[in-house]
C-alpha atoms as a PDB file:
ATOM      1  CA  MET A   1      46.394  -1.047 -11.634  1.00  0.00           C
ATOM      2  CA  ILE A   2      44.694  -4.108 -10.135  1.00  0.00           C
ATOM      3  CA  ARG A   3      46.191  -5.293  -6.836  1.00  0.00           C
ATOM      4  CA  ALA A   4      46.310  -9.073  -6.375  1.00  0.00           C
ATOM      5  CA  ALA A   5      46.964 -11.477  -3.513  1.00  0.00           C
ATOM      6  CA  ILE A   6      48.528 -14.752  -4.655  1.00  0.00           C
ATOM      7  CA  ILE A   7      47.534 -17.771  -2.548  1.00  0.00           C
ATOM      8  CA  GLY A   8      49.914 -20.667  -3.011  1.00  0.00           C
ATOM      9  CA  VAL A   9      52.803 -18.433  -4.045  1.00  0.00           C
ATOM     10  CA  SER A  10      55.419 -21.096  -3.257  1.00  0.00           C
ATOM     11  CA  GLY A  11      54.088 -23.473  -5.925  1.00  0.00           C
ATOM     12  CA  ARG A  12      54.838 -23.604  -9.644  1.00  0.00           C
ATOM     13  CA  MET A  13      51.786 -21.599 -10.632  1.00  0.00           C
ATOM     14  CA  GLY A  14      52.160 -19.144  -7.779  1.00  0.00           C
ATOM     15  CA  GLN A  15      55.673 -18.257  -8.877  1.00  0.00           C
ATOM     16  CA  ALA A  16      54.598 -18.116 -12.526  1.00  0.00           C
ATOM     17  CA  LEU A  17      51.907 -15.602 -11.548  1.00  0.00           C
ATOM     18  CA  VAL A  18      54.477 -13.394  -9.844  1.00  0.00           C
ATOM     19  CA  ARG A  19      56.731 -13.487 -12.907  1.00  0.00           C
ATOM     20  CA  ALA A  20      53.884 -12.673 -15.301  1.00  0.00           C
ATOM     21  CA  ALA A  21      52.177  -9.955 -13.237  1.00  0.00           C
ATOM     22  CA  ALA A  22      54.205  -6.998 -14.508  1.00  0.00           C
ATOM     23  CA  SER A  23      53.405  -7.748 -18.151  1.00  0.00           C
ATOM     24  CA  GLU A  24      49.692  -7.853 -17.303  1.00  0.00           C
ATOM     25  CA  SER A  25      49.776  -4.549 -15.376  1.00  0.00           C
ATOM     26  CA  ILE A  26      48.871  -6.257 -12.107  1.00  0.00           C
ATOM     27  CA  GLU A  27      50.532  -5.375  -8.816  1.00  0.00           C
ATOM     28  CA  ILE A  28      51.215  -8.222  -6.401  1.00  0.00           C
ATOM     29  CA  THR A  29      50.439  -6.797  -2.970  1.00  0.00           C
ATOM     30  CA  ALA A  30      50.289 -10.042  -0.977  1.00  0.00           C
ATOM     31  CA  ALA A  31      51.824 -13.494  -1.208  1.00  0.00           C
ATOM     32  CA  VAL A  32      50.462 -16.374   0.844  1.00  0.00           C
ATOM     33  CA  ALA A  33      51.837 -19.859   1.534  1.00  0.00           C
ATOM     34  CA  SER A  34      50.971 -22.599   4.022  1.00  0.00           C
ATOM     35  CA  ALA A  35      51.964 -22.274   7.664  1.00  0.00           C
ATOM     36  CA  LYS A  36      54.678 -24.937   7.210  1.00  0.00           C
ATOM     37  CA  SER A  37      56.118 -23.546   3.966  1.00  0.00           C
ATOM     38  CA  GLU A  38      59.846 -22.842   3.753  1.00  0.00           C
ATOM     39  CA  ALA A  39      58.956 -19.776   1.687  1.00  0.00           C
ATOM     40  CA  LEU A  40      57.568 -17.870   4.687  1.00  0.00           C
ATOM     41  CA  GLY A  41      59.424 -14.623   5.307  1.00  0.00           C
ATOM     42  CA  LYS A  42      60.980 -14.518   1.851  1.00  0.00           C
ATOM     43  CA  ASP A  43      60.376 -11.811  -0.739  1.00  0.00           C
ATOM     44  CA  ALA A  44      57.828 -13.030  -3.300  1.00  0.00           C
ATOM     45  CA  GLY A  45      59.835 -11.635  -6.207  1.00  0.00           C
ATOM     46  CA  VAL A  46      63.073 -13.275  -5.110  1.00  0.00           C
ATOM     47  CA  LEU A  47      61.193 -16.543  -4.552  1.00  0.00           C
ATOM     48  CA  ALA A  48      59.938 -16.391  -8.162  1.00  0.00           C
ATOM     49  CA  GLY A  49      63.374 -15.536  -9.561  1.00  0.00           C
ATOM     50  CA  VAL A  50      62.668 -11.893 -10.425  1.00  0.00           C
ATOM     51  CA  THR A  51      63.535  -8.564  -8.817  1.00  0.00           C
ATOM     52  CA  PRO A  52      62.405  -8.060  -5.203  1.00  0.00           C
ATOM     53  CA  LEU A  53      58.811  -6.864  -4.836  1.00  0.00           C
ATOM     54  CA  GLY A  54      58.916  -5.784  -1.227  1.00  0.00           C
ATOM     55  CA  VAL A  55      56.159  -8.320  -0.554  1.00  0.00           C
ATOM     56  CA  THR A  56      56.944 -10.835   2.177  1.00  0.00           C
ATOM     57  CA  VAL A  57      55.425 -14.324   1.969  1.00  0.00           C
ATOM     58  CA  THR A  58      53.006 -14.868   4.853  1.00  0.00           C
ATOM     59  CA  ALA A  59      50.603 -17.548   6.095  1.00  0.00           C
ATOM     60  CA  ASP A  60      48.057 -14.967   7.312  1.00  0.00           C
ATOM     61  CA  LEU A  61      45.529 -14.814   4.471  1.00  0.00           C
ATOM     62  CA  PRO A  62      42.935 -12.581   6.197  1.00  0.00           C
ATOM     63  CA  ALA A  63      45.591  -9.933   6.847  1.00  0.00           C
ATOM     64  CA  ALA A  64      47.037 -10.303   3.343  1.00  0.00           C
ATOM     65  CA  LEU A  65      43.671  -9.629   1.734  1.00  0.00           C
ATOM     66  CA  GLY A  66      43.434  -6.145   3.203  1.00  0.00           C
ATOM     67  CA  ALA A  67      45.513  -4.446   0.499  1.00  0.00           C
ATOM     68  CA  ALA A  68      44.263  -6.569  -2.413  1.00  0.00           C
ATOM     69  CA  ASP A  69      41.506  -5.985  -4.949  1.00  0.00           C
ATOM     70  CA  VAL A  70      41.293  -9.669  -5.923  1.00  0.00           C
ATOM     71  CA  ALA A  71      42.720 -13.000  -4.752  1.00  0.00           C
ATOM     72  CA  ILE A  72      44.081 -15.790  -6.954  1.00  0.00           C
ATOM     73  CA  ASP A  73      44.214 -19.249  -5.378  1.00  0.00           C
ATOM     74  CA  PHE A  74      46.597 -21.874  -6.741  1.00  0.00           C
ATOM     75  CA  SER A  75      47.336 -23.576  -3.429  1.00  0.00           C
ATOM     76  CA  ASN A  76      45.817 -27.029  -2.862  1.00  0.00           C
ATOM     77  CA  ALA A  77      42.393 -28.617  -2.602  1.00  0.00           C
ATOM     78  CA  ALA A  78      42.629 -29.089   1.174  1.00  0.00           C
ATOM     79  CA  ALA A  79      42.913 -25.317   1.666  1.00  0.00           C
ATOM     80  CA  THR A  80      40.236 -24.220  -0.820  1.00  0.00           C
ATOM     81  CA  GLN A  81      37.387 -24.143   1.678  1.00  0.00           C
ATOM     82  CA  SER A  82      39.217 -21.965   4.207  1.00  0.00           C
ATOM     83  CA  ASN A  83      40.563 -19.686   1.462  1.00  0.00           C
ATOM     84  CA  LEU A  84      37.044 -19.232   0.099  1.00  0.00           C
ATOM     85  CA  ALA A  85      35.741 -18.426   3.569  1.00  0.00           C
ATOM     86  CA  ALA A  86      38.479 -15.837   4.146  1.00  0.00           C
ATOM     87  CA  CYS A  87      37.766 -14.078   0.852  1.00  0.00           C
ATOM     88  CA  ARG A  88      34.054 -14.129   1.563  1.00  0.00           C
ATOM     89  CA  GLN A  89      34.656 -12.585   4.987  1.00  0.00           C
ATOM     90  CA  ALA A  90      36.897  -9.900   3.459  1.00  0.00           C
ATOM     91  CA  ARG A  91      34.505  -9.314   0.542  1.00  0.00           C
ATOM     92  CA  LYS A  92      37.276  -9.908  -2.007  1.00  0.00           C
ATOM     93  CA  PRO A  93      36.734 -11.479  -5.473  1.00  0.00           C
ATOM     94  CA  LEU A  94      38.387 -14.883  -5.739  1.00  0.00           C
ATOM     95  CA  LEU A  95      39.710 -16.836  -8.715  1.00  0.00           C
ATOM     96  CA  ILE A  96      40.170 -20.523  -7.845  1.00  0.00           C
ATOM     97  CA  GLY A  97      42.644 -22.315 -10.083  1.00  0.00           C
ATOM     98  CA  THR A  98      43.062 -25.236  -7.693  1.00  0.00           C
ATOM     99  CA  THR A  99      41.497 -28.556  -8.738  1.00  0.00           C
ATOM    100  CA  GLY A 100      40.445 -31.713  -6.931  1.00  0.00           C
ATOM    101  CA  PHE A 101      37.915 -30.174  -4.510  1.00  0.00           C
ATOM    102  CA  SER A 102      34.136 -30.446  -4.230  1.00  0.00           C
ATOM    103  CA  LEU A 103      32.489 -27.436  -2.610  1.00  0.00           C
ATOM    104  CA  ASP A 104      29.341 -26.836  -4.637  1.00  0.00           C
ATOM    105  CA  SER A 105      27.172 -25.528  -1.802  1.00  0.00           C
ATOM    106  CA  GLU A 106      29.956 -23.392  -0.311  1.00  0.00           C
ATOM    107  CA  LEU A 107      30.690 -21.856  -3.719  1.00  0.00           C
ATOM    108  CA  GLN A 108      27.032 -21.031  -4.271  1.00  0.00           C
ATOM    109  CA  GLU A 109      26.750 -19.406  -0.863  1.00  0.00           C
ATOM    110  CA  ALA A 110      29.934 -17.370  -1.313  1.00  0.00           C
ATOM    111  CA  ALA A 111      28.882 -16.275  -4.804  1.00  0.00           C
ATOM    112  CA  ARG A 112      25.898 -14.492  -3.300  1.00  0.00           C
ATOM    113  CA  GLU A 113      28.322 -12.087  -1.662  1.00  0.00           C
ATOM    114  CA  ILE A 114      31.487 -12.009  -3.810  1.00  0.00           C
ATOM    115  CA  PRO A 115      32.480 -12.743  -7.408  1.00  0.00           C
ATOM    116  CA  VAL A 116      33.986 -16.256  -7.622  1.00  0.00           C
ATOM    117  CA  LEU A 117      35.561 -17.671 -10.767  1.00  0.00           C
ATOM    118  CA  VAL A 118      36.328 -21.400 -10.809  1.00  0.00           C
ATOM    119  CA  ALA A 119      38.963 -22.174 -13.428  1.00  0.00           C
ATOM    120  CA  PRO A 120      40.332 -25.729 -13.660  1.00  0.00           C
ATOM    121  CA  ASN A 121      42.396 -24.406 -16.561  1.00  0.00           C
ATOM    122  CA  THR A 122      43.151 -20.712 -17.144  1.00  0.00           C
ATOM    123  CA  SER A 123      44.422 -21.080 -20.702  1.00  0.00           C
ATOM    124  CA  LEU A 124      42.334 -19.084 -23.178  1.00  0.00           C
ATOM    125  CA  GLY A 125      42.956 -21.822 -25.741  1.00  0.00           C
ATOM    126  CA  VAL A 126      41.578 -24.518 -23.429  1.00  0.00           C
ATOM    127  CA  THR A 127      38.588 -22.306 -22.675  1.00  0.00           C
ATOM    128  CA  LEU A 128      37.788 -22.241 -26.381  1.00  0.00           C
ATOM    129  CA  LEU A 129      38.448 -25.994 -26.669  1.00  0.00           C
ATOM    130  CA  ILE A 130      35.817 -26.701 -24.009  1.00  0.00           C
ATOM    131  CA  GLU A 131      33.225 -24.742 -25.980  1.00  0.00           C
ATOM    132  CA  LEU A 132      34.151 -26.508 -29.234  1.00  0.00           C
ATOM    133  CA  VAL A 133      33.789 -29.895 -27.521  1.00  0.00           C
ATOM    134  CA  ARG A 134      30.331 -28.960 -26.296  1.00  0.00           C
ATOM    135  CA  GLN A 135      29.282 -27.982 -29.816  1.00  0.00           C
ATOM    136  CA  ALA A 136      30.818 -31.069 -31.431  1.00  0.00           C
ATOM    137  CA  ALA A 137      29.133 -33.418 -28.961  1.00  0.00           C
ATOM    138  CA  ALA A 138      25.783 -31.797 -29.695  1.00  0.00           C
ATOM    139  CA  ALA A 139      26.257 -31.909 -33.467  1.00  0.00           C
ATOM    140  CA  LEU A 140      27.661 -35.414 -33.995  1.00  0.00           C
ATOM    141  CA  PRO A 141      25.454 -38.531 -33.898  1.00  0.00           C
ATOM    142  CA  ALA A 142      25.271 -40.379 -30.588  1.00  0.00           C
ATOM    143  CA  ALA A 143      26.924 -43.352 -32.299  1.00  0.00           C
ATOM    144  CA  PHE A 144      30.271 -41.524 -32.092  1.00  0.00           C
ATOM    145  CA  ASP A 145      32.359 -42.621 -29.094  1.00  0.00           C
ATOM    146  CA  ILE A 146      33.900 -39.832 -27.007  1.00  0.00           C
ATOM    147  CA  GLU A 147      37.306 -40.372 -25.415  1.00  0.00           C
ATOM    148  CA  ILE A 148      39.257 -37.796 -23.414  1.00  0.00           C
ATOM    149  CA  ILE A 149      43.017 -38.277 -23.189  1.00  0.00           C
ATOM    150  CA  GLU A 150      45.132 -36.083 -20.925  1.00  0.00           C
ATOM    151  CA  ALA A 151      48.813 -35.952 -19.980  1.00  0.00           C
ATOM    152  CA  HIS A 152      50.626 -34.015 -17.252  1.00  0.00           C
ATOM    153  CA  HIS A 153      53.912 -34.041 -15.366  1.00  0.00           C
ATOM    154  CA  ARG A 154      54.653 -36.944 -13.066  1.00  0.00           C
ATOM    155  CA  MET A 155      53.924 -34.971  -9.865  1.00  0.00           C
ATOM    156  CA  LYS A 156      50.328 -34.010 -10.630  1.00  0.00           C
ATOM    157  CA  LYS A 157      48.152 -35.605  -7.981  1.00  0.00           C
ATOM    158  CA  ASP A 158      44.569 -35.505  -9.265  1.00  0.00           C
ATOM    159  CA  ALA A 159      43.509 -37.756 -12.131  1.00  0.00           C
ATOM    160  CA  PRO A 160      41.702 -37.215 -14.383  1.00  0.00           C
ATOM    161  CA  SER A 161      42.741 -33.577 -14.355  1.00  0.00           C
ATOM    162  CA  GLY A 162      40.257 -30.832 -13.640  1.00  0.00           C
ATOM    163  CA  THR A 163      40.535 -29.784 -17.272  1.00  0.00           C
ATOM    164  CA  ALA A 164      39.781 -33.311 -18.491  1.00  0.00           C
ATOM    165  CA  LEU A 165      36.686 -33.392 -16.297  1.00  0.00           C
ATOM    166  CA  ALA A 166      35.632 -29.978 -17.633  1.00  0.00           C
ATOM    167  CA  LEU A 167      35.966 -31.343 -21.167  1.00  0.00           C
ATOM    168  CA  GLY A 168      33.928 -34.385 -20.175  1.00  0.00           C
ATOM    169  CA  GLN A 169      31.284 -32.155 -18.626  1.00  0.00           C
ATOM    170  CA  ALA A 170      31.121 -30.110 -21.830  1.00  0.00           C
ATOM    171  CA  ALA A 171      30.712 -33.272 -23.929  1.00  0.00           C
ATOM    172  CA  ALA A 172      28.004 -34.566 -21.604  1.00  0.00           C
ATOM    173  CA  GLN A 173      26.166 -31.237 -21.742  1.00  0.00           C
ATOM    174  CA  GLY A 174      26.343 -31.345 -25.530  1.00  0.00           C
ATOM    175  CA  ARG A 175      24.530 -34.675 -25.391  1.00  0.00           C
ATOM    176  CA  ALA A 176      22.143 -33.534 -22.647  1.00  0.00           C
ATOM    177  CA  GLN A 177      23.488 -36.169 -20.264  1.00  0.00           C
ATOM    178  CA  PRO A 178      24.890 -35.991 -16.721  1.00  0.00           C
ATOM    179  CA  LEU A 179      28.603 -36.766 -16.749  1.00  0.00           C
ATOM    180  CA  ASP A 180      28.347 -38.967 -13.643  1.00  0.00           C
ATOM    181  CA  GLY A 181      26.016 -41.297 -15.520  1.00  0.00           C
ATOM    182  CA  VAL A 182      28.280 -41.820 -18.543  1.00  0.00           C
ATOM    183  CA  ARG A 183      31.830 -41.379 -17.213  1.00  0.00           C
ATOM    184  CA  GLN A 184      33.972 -44.462 -17.866  1.00  0.00           C
ATOM    185  CA  GLU A 185      37.606 -45.335 -17.253  1.00  0.00           C
ATOM    186  CA  GLY A 186      38.768 -48.612 -18.792  1.00  0.00           C
ATOM    187  CA  ALA A 187      36.549 -51.478 -20.018  1.00  0.00           C
ATOM    188  CA  ALA A 188      34.753 -51.835 -23.341  1.00  0.00           C
ATOM    189  CA  ARG A 189      32.513 -49.075 -24.629  1.00  0.00           C
ATOM    190  CA  ARG A 190      28.799 -49.525 -25.250  1.00  0.00           C
ATOM    191  CA  GLY A 191      28.539 -46.256 -27.143  1.00  0.00           C
ATOM    192  CA  ALA A 192      27.014 -43.930 -24.546  1.00  0.00           C
ATOM    193  CA  GLU A 193      30.007 -43.589 -22.216  1.00  0.00           C
ATOM    194  CA  ILE A 194      32.555 -40.799 -22.143  1.00  0.00           C
ATOM    195  CA  GLY A 195      35.941 -42.394 -21.577  1.00  0.00           C
ATOM    196  CA  PHE A 196      38.978 -40.967 -19.792  1.00  0.00           C
ATOM    197  CA  ALA A 197      42.623 -41.945 -20.192  1.00  0.00           C
ATOM    198  CA  VAL A 198      45.393 -40.463 -18.028  1.00  0.00           C
ATOM    199  CA  VAL A 199      49.158 -40.108 -18.528  1.00  0.00           C
ATOM    200  CA  ARG A 200      51.543 -38.893 -15.805  1.00  0.00           C
ATOM    201  CA  ALA A 201      55.117 -38.630 -17.013  1.00  0.00           C
ATOM    202  CA  GLY A 202      58.197 -36.422 -17.017  1.00  0.00           C
ATOM    203  CA  ASP A 203      57.665 -32.676 -17.071  1.00  0.00           C
ATOM    204  CA  ILE A 204      54.664 -32.502 -19.436  1.00  0.00           C
ATOM    205  CA  VAL A 205      52.991 -29.146 -18.860  1.00  0.00           C
ATOM    206  CA  GLY A 206      49.561 -30.202 -20.088  1.00  0.00           C
ATOM    207  CA  GLU A 207      48.038 -31.974 -23.087  1.00  0.00           C
ATOM    208  CA  HIS A 208      44.339 -32.627 -23.652  1.00  0.00           C
ATOM    209  CA  SER A 209      42.639 -34.315 -26.586  1.00  0.00           C
ATOM    210  CA  VAL A 210      39.007 -35.205 -27.168  1.00  0.00           C
ATOM    211  CA  LEU A 211      38.444 -37.972 -29.692  1.00  0.00           C
ATOM    212  CA  PHE A 212      35.085 -38.371 -31.415  1.00  0.00           C
ATOM    213  CA  ALA A 213      35.277 -41.774 -33.104  1.00  0.00           C
ATOM    214  CA  GLY A 214      32.630 -43.145 -35.430  1.00  0.00           C
ATOM    215  CA  MET A 215      32.623 -46.070 -37.834  1.00  0.00           C
ATOM    216  CA  GLY A 216      35.095 -45.187 -40.595  1.00  0.00           C
ATOM    217  CA  GLU A 217      35.976 -41.685 -39.392  1.00  0.00           C
ATOM    218  CA  SER A 218      37.120 -39.774 -36.355  1.00  0.00           C
ATOM    219  CA  LEU A 219      37.579 -36.185 -35.233  1.00  0.00           C
ATOM    220  CA  THR A 220      40.100 -34.985 -32.636  1.00  0.00           C
ATOM    221  CA  LEU A 221      40.062 -31.629 -30.865  1.00  0.00           C
ATOM    222  CA  SER A 222      43.186 -30.961 -28.857  1.00  0.00           C
ATOM    223  CA  HIS A 223      45.305 -28.444 -26.983  1.00  0.00           C
ATOM    224  CA  ARG A 224      48.957 -28.642 -25.957  1.00  0.00           C
ATOM    225  CA  ALA A 225      50.619 -26.329 -23.474  1.00  0.00           C
ATOM    226  CA  THR A 226      54.394 -25.991 -23.764  1.00  0.00           C
ATOM    227  CA  ASP A 227      54.883 -23.074 -21.390  1.00  0.00           C
ATOM    228  CA  ARG A 228      53.295 -22.770 -17.938  1.00  0.00           C
ATOM    229  CA  ALA A 229      53.263 -18.995 -18.428  1.00  0.00           C
ATOM    230  CA  ILE A 230      50.117 -19.248 -20.555  1.00  0.00           C
ATOM    231  CA  PHE A 231      48.166 -20.331 -17.474  1.00  0.00           C
ATOM    232  CA  ALA A 232      49.617 -17.479 -15.431  1.00  0.00           C
ATOM    233  CA  ARG A 233      48.759 -14.885 -18.064  1.00  0.00           C
ATOM    234  CA  GLY A 234      45.243 -16.280 -18.469  1.00  0.00           C
ATOM    235  CA  ALA A 235      44.689 -16.333 -14.706  1.00  0.00           C
ATOM    236  CA  LEU A 236      45.865 -12.742 -14.313  1.00  0.00           C
ATOM    237  CA  GLN A 237      43.656 -11.570 -17.185  1.00  0.00           C
ATOM    238  CA  ALA A 238      40.691 -13.416 -15.662  1.00  0.00           C
ATOM    239  CA  ALA A 239      41.398 -11.985 -12.205  1.00  0.00           C
ATOM    240  CA  ALA A 240      41.548  -8.434 -13.594  1.00  0.00           C
ATOM    241  CA  TRP A 241      38.222  -9.061 -15.339  1.00  0.00           C
ATOM    242  CA  LEU A 242      36.676 -10.590 -12.200  1.00  0.00           C
ATOM    243  CA  GLU A 243      37.626  -7.650  -9.998  1.00  0.00           C
ATOM    244  CA  SER A 244      34.853  -5.461 -11.428  1.00  0.00           C
ATOM    245  CA  ARG A 245      32.127  -8.135 -11.575  1.00  0.00           C
ATOM    246  CA  ALA A 246      29.006  -8.266  -9.427  1.00  0.00           C
ATOM    247  CA  PRO A 247      28.742 -11.116  -6.904  1.00  0.00           C
ATOM    248  CA  GLY A 248      28.128 -14.435  -8.646  1.00  0.00           C
ATOM    249  CA  GLN A 249      29.803 -17.613  -9.839  1.00  0.00           C
ATOM    250  CA  TYR A 250      31.760 -17.252 -13.078  1.00  0.00           C
ATOM    251  CA  PHE A 251      33.789 -19.437 -15.413  1.00  0.00           C
ATOM    252  CA  MET A 252      36.584 -18.805 -17.911  1.00  0.00           C
ATOM    253  CA  ARG A 253      34.124 -18.884 -20.814  1.00  0.00           C
ATOM    254  CA  ASP A 254      32.487 -15.779 -19.353  1.00  0.00           C
ATOM    255  CA  LEU A 255      35.535 -13.758 -20.405  1.00  0.00           C
ATOM    256  CA  PHE A 256      34.410 -14.333 -24.001  1.00  0.00           C
ATOM    257  CA  THR A 257      30.672 -13.957 -23.472  1.00  0.00           C
ATOM    258  CA  HIS A 258      30.571 -10.951 -21.088  1.00  0.00           C
ATOM    259  CA  LYS A 259      31.555  -7.667 -22.629  1.00  0.00           C
ATOM    260  CA  SER A 260      33.910  -5.481 -20.636  1.00  0.00           C
ATOM    261  CA  GLY A 261      31.968  -3.534 -18.035  1.00  0.00           C
ATOM    262  CA  SER A 262      28.736  -5.526 -18.564  1.00  0.00           C
END
């Protein structure tokens, strides 16, 4: 059984990971929250609304990593750099589900020593959607406009979402363009831009659509999440897969393209 340390256990995804772990045959051996969290000292299972696990929530990540085979980080962007450094020091594989950070050089350096999987969205369905968007962007004429529309709950801080940006990156790659050069929010379209529209409302778990609009026809590829548990299950499956990988930087799509044990 794979042993996992959950970083950000006091958050929505952290608690969802604890609830889903048993069904994925993963043992939670450590639970980490920020130094100011009210969850410190509590049992991770009780915190997540399940039976006690005998795992006390701590703020000491380096110590927590000792008994873990892999770490799963769903904390916040401000902590990603220090969490990455701790896992690198401990030589523990790390799945980063947090979004809103920019650590390209640090990720590349860490990936020389540990397996690192960056996953702005851990849904297997979204992973497939990203690949379909890349293929559609490459196949359709450049005259088709590309618009990415995403919706999340009212408390989500980053916008566009990490998943929306991943979809935009896939569309840009399909057209052999850098996303930074064609990203557009608002204003009229000249045809080459990739537009983003953001909705923050209520308790929406996550909705993403990519519209390819030409003259007289349009194509929409979309994904709707109605249960946060899909992200927890996907993250746990990805973490179990990552645990046996060689050092390197990985993505969710690699779960489909790398055979087990390869």
